[in-house]
C-alpha atoms as a PDB file:
ATOM      1  CA  MET A   1       7.659 -21.542 -31.625  1.00  0.00           C
ATOM      2  CA  ARG A   2       4.136 -22.344 -30.473  1.00  0.00           C
ATOM      3  CA  GLU A   3       1.868 -19.898 -28.674  1.00  0.00           C
ATOM      4  CA  LEU A   4      -0.412 -21.179 -25.922  1.00  0.00           C
ATOM      5  CA  ALA A   5      -3.494 -19.092 -25.087  1.00  0.00           C
ATOM      6  CA  LEU A   6      -4.648 -19.060 -21.467  1.00  0.00           C
ATOM      7  CA  ARG A   7      -7.479 -17.455 -19.531  1.00  0.00           C
ATOM      8  CA  THR A   8      -7.053 -17.026 -15.787  1.00  0.00           C
ATOM      9  CA  GLU A   9      -9.933 -16.694 -13.354  1.00  0.00           C
ATOM     10  CA  ARG A  10      -8.359 -15.140 -10.244  1.00  0.00           C
ATOM     11  CA  ARG A  11      -5.888 -12.390  -9.407  1.00  0.00           C
ATOM     12  CA  THR A  12      -3.361 -14.939  -8.164  1.00  0.00           C
ATOM     13  CA  GLN A  13      -3.585 -18.348  -9.790  1.00  0.00           C
ATOM     14  CA  LEU A  14      -1.257 -21.185 -10.722  1.00  0.00           C
ATOM     15  CA  LEU A  15      -2.429 -23.170 -13.749  1.00  0.00           C
ATOM     16  CA  ASP A  16      -0.964 -26.568 -14.596  1.00  0.00           C
ATOM     17  CA  ILE A  17       0.020 -26.245 -18.263  1.00  0.00           C
ATOM     18  CA  THR A  18       2.062 -29.440 -18.507  1.00  0.00           C
ATOM     19  CA  LYS A  19      -0.297 -31.140 -20.988  1.00  0.00           C
ATOM     20  CA  MET A  20      -0.438 -28.005 -23.151  1.00  0.00           C
ATOM     21  CA  VAL A  21       3.368 -27.859 -23.266  1.00  0.00           C
ATOM     22  CA  GLU A  22       3.514 -31.571 -24.135  1.00  0.00           C
ATOM     23  CA  GLU A  23       1.117 -30.966 -27.029  1.00  0.00           C
ATOM     24  CA  ALA A  24       3.144 -27.958 -28.191  1.00  0.00           C
ATOM     25  CA  ILE A  25       6.358 -30.001 -28.483  1.00  0.00           C
ATOM     26  CA  ASP A  26       4.695 -33.024 -30.084  1.00  0.00           C
ATOM     27  CA  GLY A  27       6.520 -33.780 -33.303  1.00  0.00           C
ATOM     28  CA  ALA A  28       9.642 -31.811 -32.356  1.00  0.00           C
ATOM     29  CA  ASN A  29      11.899 -34.710 -33.291  1.00  0.00           C
ATOM     30  CA  GLY A  30      15.556 -34.154 -32.549  1.00  0.00           C
ATOM     31  CA  ALA A  31      14.945 -31.372 -30.034  1.00  0.00           C
ATOM     32  CA  ALA A  32      17.019 -31.548 -26.853  1.00  0.00           C
ATOM     33  CA  ALA A  33      14.943 -29.223 -24.682  1.00  0.00           C
ATOM     34  CA  ALA A  34      11.810 -27.108 -24.547  1.00  0.00           C
ATOM     35  CA  LEU A  35      11.934 -23.438 -23.624  1.00  0.00           C
ATOM     36  CA  VAL A  36       8.727 -22.249 -21.950  1.00  0.00           C
ATOM     37  CA  TYR A  37       8.562 -18.438 -21.840  1.00  0.00           C
ATOM     38  CA  VAL A  38       5.972 -16.004 -20.457  1.00  0.00           C
ATOM     39  CA  PRO A  39       5.961 -12.561 -22.171  1.00  0.00           C
ATOM     40  CA  HIS A  40       4.267 -10.726 -19.302  1.00  0.00           C
ATOM     41  CA  THR A  41       5.707  -8.694 -16.406  1.00  0.00           C
ATOM     42  CA  THR A  42       3.020  -9.745 -13.918  1.00  0.00           C
ATOM     43  CA  ALA A  43       3.105 -13.486 -14.619  1.00  0.00           C
ATOM     44  CA  GLY A  44       5.668 -16.253 -14.584  1.00  0.00           C
ATOM     45  CA  VAL A  45       6.262 -19.948 -14.937  1.00  0.00           C
ATOM     46  CA  THR A  46       7.642 -22.572 -12.575  1.00  0.00           C
ATOM     47  CA  ILE A  47       8.059 -26.307 -12.114  1.00  0.00           C
ATOM     48  CA  ASN A  48       6.723 -27.919  -8.978  1.00  0.00           C
ATOM     49  CA  GLU A  49       4.533 -30.774  -7.793  1.00  0.00           C
ATOM     50  CA  GLY A  50       1.693 -31.415 -10.193  1.00  0.00           C
ATOM     51  CA  ALA A  51       0.140 -34.459  -8.508  1.00  0.00           C
ATOM     52  CA  ASP A  52      -1.712 -32.607  -5.726  1.00  0.00           C
ATOM     53  CA  PRO A  53      -3.645 -29.435  -6.724  1.00  0.00           C
ATOM     54  CA  ALA A  54      -3.320 -28.218  -3.125  1.00  0.00           C
ATOM     55  CA  VAL A  55       0.351 -27.434  -3.803  1.00  0.00           C
ATOM     56  CA  ALA A  56      -0.636 -24.765  -6.341  1.00  0.00           C
ATOM     57  CA  ARG A  57      -3.124 -23.251  -3.864  1.00  0.00           C
ATOM     58  CA  ASP A  58      -0.407 -23.218  -1.192  1.00  0.00           C
ATOM     59  CA  PHE A  59       1.899 -21.366  -3.601  1.00  0.00           C
ATOM     60  CA  GLU A  60      -0.813 -18.788  -4.312  1.00  0.00           C
ATOM     61  CA  ALA A  61      -1.388 -18.139  -0.606  1.00  0.00           C
ATOM     62  CA  ALA A  62       2.309 -18.071   0.247  1.00  0.00           C
ATOM     63  CA  LEU A  63       3.198 -15.573  -2.484  1.00  0.00           C
ATOM     64  CA  GLU A  64       0.321 -13.296  -1.461  1.00  0.00           C
ATOM     65  CA  LYS A  65       1.606 -13.397   2.125  1.00  0.00           C
ATOM     66  CA  ILE A  66       5.292 -12.935   1.250  1.00  0.00           C
ATOM     67  CA  VAL A  67       4.464  -9.935  -0.973  1.00  0.00           C
ATOM     68  CA  GLU A  68       1.375  -8.357   0.568  1.00  0.00           C
ATOM     69  CA  ASP A  69      -0.916  -5.963  -1.289  1.00  0.00           C
ATOM     70  CA  GLY A  70      -1.120  -3.513   1.623  1.00  0.00           C
ATOM     71  CA  TRP A  71       2.426  -2.182   1.460  1.00  0.00           C
ATOM     72  CA  ARG A  72       3.065   1.423   0.453  1.00  0.00           C
ATOM     73  CA  TRP A  73       3.734   0.742  -3.211  1.00  0.00           C
ATOM     74  CA  GLN A  74       5.112   3.488  -5.461  1.00  0.00           C
ATOM     75  CA  HIS A  75       4.034   1.877  -8.730  1.00  0.00           C
ATOM     76  CA  VAL A  76       0.264   2.453  -8.783  1.00  0.00           C
ATOM     77  CA  GLU A  77      -0.570   2.809 -12.493  1.00  0.00           C
ATOM     78  CA  ASP A  78      -3.394   0.258 -12.556  1.00  0.00           C
ATOM     79  CA  PRO A  79      -6.853   1.889 -12.144  1.00  0.00           C
ATOM     80  CA  ASP A  80      -8.067  -1.213 -10.248  1.00  0.00           C
ATOM     81  CA  GLY A  81      -5.381  -0.703  -7.619  1.00  0.00           C
ATOM     82  CA  PRO A  82      -1.633  -1.071  -7.350  1.00  0.00           C
ATOM     83  CA  ASN A  83      -0.227  -3.984  -9.296  1.00  0.00           C
ATOM     84  CA  ALA A  84       3.315  -3.533  -7.991  1.00  0.00           C
ATOM     85  CA  PRO A  85       2.925  -6.672  -5.839  1.00  0.00           C
ATOM     86  CA  SER A  86       2.148  -8.575  -9.044  1.00  0.00           C
ATOM     87  CA  HIS A  87       5.463  -7.483 -10.581  1.00  0.00           C
ATOM     88  CA  VAL A  88       7.399  -8.540  -7.470  1.00  0.00           C
ATOM     89  CA  ARG A  89       5.637 -11.919  -7.237  1.00  0.00           C
ATOM     90  CA  ALA A  90       6.354 -12.579 -10.919  1.00  0.00           C
ATOM     91  CA  SER A  91      10.040 -11.822 -10.390  1.00  0.00           C
ATOM     92  CA  LEU A  92      10.167 -14.275  -7.502  1.00  0.00           C
ATOM     93  CA  MET A  93       9.139 -16.947  -9.983  1.00  0.00           C
ATOM     94  CA  SER A  94      10.679 -16.681 -13.476  1.00  0.00           C
ATOM     95  CA  PRO A  95       9.595 -15.662 -16.962  1.00  0.00           C
ATOM     96  CA  GLN A  96      11.048 -18.885 -18.356  1.00  0.00           C
ATOM     97  CA  ILE A  97      12.006 -22.479 -17.717  1.00  0.00           C
ATOM     98  CA  LEU A  98      14.066 -24.913 -19.745  1.00  0.00           C
ATOM     99  CA  VAL A  99      13.014 -28.571 -19.667  1.00  0.00           C
ATOM    100  CA  PRO A 100      15.196 -31.283 -21.195  1.00  0.00           C
ATOM    101  CA  LEU A 101      13.544 -33.669 -23.621  1.00  0.00           C
ATOM    102  CA  ASP A 102      14.064 -37.419 -23.599  1.00  0.00           C
ATOM    103  CA  GLY A 103      12.936 -39.073 -26.809  1.00  0.00           C
ATOM    104  CA  GLY A 104      10.748 -36.055 -27.600  1.00  0.00           C
ATOM    105  CA  LYS A 105       9.042 -36.146 -24.170  1.00  0.00           C
ATOM    106  CA  LEU A 106       9.414 -33.709 -21.276  1.00  0.00           C
ATOM    107  CA  ALA A 107      12.013 -35.110 -18.872  1.00  0.00           C
ATOM    108  CA  LEU A 108      10.132 -34.039 -15.764  1.00  0.00           C
ATOM    109  CA  GLY A 109      10.381 -35.858 -12.452  1.00  0.00           C
ATOM    110  CA  ARG A 110       7.610 -38.212 -11.408  1.00  0.00           C
ATOM    111  CA  TRP A 111       5.650 -35.580  -9.475  1.00  0.00           C
ATOM    112  CA  GLN A 112       6.640 -32.484 -11.433  1.00  0.00           C
ATOM    113  CA  GLY A 113       4.363 -30.268 -13.490  1.00  0.00           C
ATOM    114  CA  ILE A 114       4.751 -26.973 -15.322  1.00  0.00           C
ATOM    115  CA  PHE A 115       2.717 -24.096 -13.924  1.00  0.00           C
ATOM    116  CA  PHE A 116       1.749 -20.746 -15.394  1.00  0.00           C
ATOM    117  CA  CYS A 117       1.736 -18.250 -12.515  1.00  0.00           C
ATOM    118  CA  GLU A 118      -0.826 -15.436 -12.746  1.00  0.00           C
ATOM    119  CA  PHE A 119      -0.396 -12.482 -10.390  1.00  0.00           C
ATOM    120  CA  ASP A 120      -2.561  -9.775 -12.000  1.00  0.00           C
ATOM    121  CA  GLY A 121      -5.645 -11.585 -13.231  1.00  0.00           C
ATOM    122  CA  PRO A 122      -8.090 -12.478 -14.313  1.00  0.00           C
ATOM    123  CA  ARG A 123      -6.697 -11.999 -17.805  1.00  0.00           C
ATOM    124  CA  GLU A 124      -6.082 -13.567 -21.160  1.00  0.00           C
ATOM    125  CA  ARG A 125      -2.433 -14.583 -21.329  1.00  0.00           C
ATOM    126  CA  LYS A 126      -0.019 -16.327 -23.626  1.00  0.00           C
ATOM    127  CA  VAL A 127       2.945 -18.626 -23.195  1.00  0.00           C
ATOM    128  CA  TYR A 128       5.551 -19.384 -25.854  1.00  0.00           C
ATOM    129  CA  VAL A 129       6.942 -22.909 -26.176  1.00  0.00           C
ATOM    130  CA  THR A 130      10.045 -23.387 -28.324  1.00  0.00           C
ATOM    131  CA  PRO A 131      11.752 -26.748 -28.944  1.00  0.00           C
ATOM    132  CA  LEU A 132      15.528 -26.302 -28.946  1.00  0.00           C
ATOM    133  CA  ALA A 133      17.989 -28.466 -30.874  1.00  0.00           C
END
């Protein structure tokens, strides 16, 4: 398992981590897939278009609109304000993805990228990447 260290800059932010994941699996000869896992309850990971950075910005805006901050949240433990929307947004994504490997390389589609999804930033975060046989 490899640990990736990230630093986010905004409360809601999608970061393209494709290159970092590629580097983490480099040398994993014989592996059939890569498991990418986020050990946080207010963050996630997804695969989507990586060619146009505007797609990530659209995701950020859409998730903030779908799960608005202004609802009457019951979970309000964060001193900076309720982070319940962050938990819900993270659950709409996923804590993990599984990407097949082809000859030791990520078998992503032409336009696909792997994105870390921050919903309670800015923070220091980590992602685990595990090659699977």
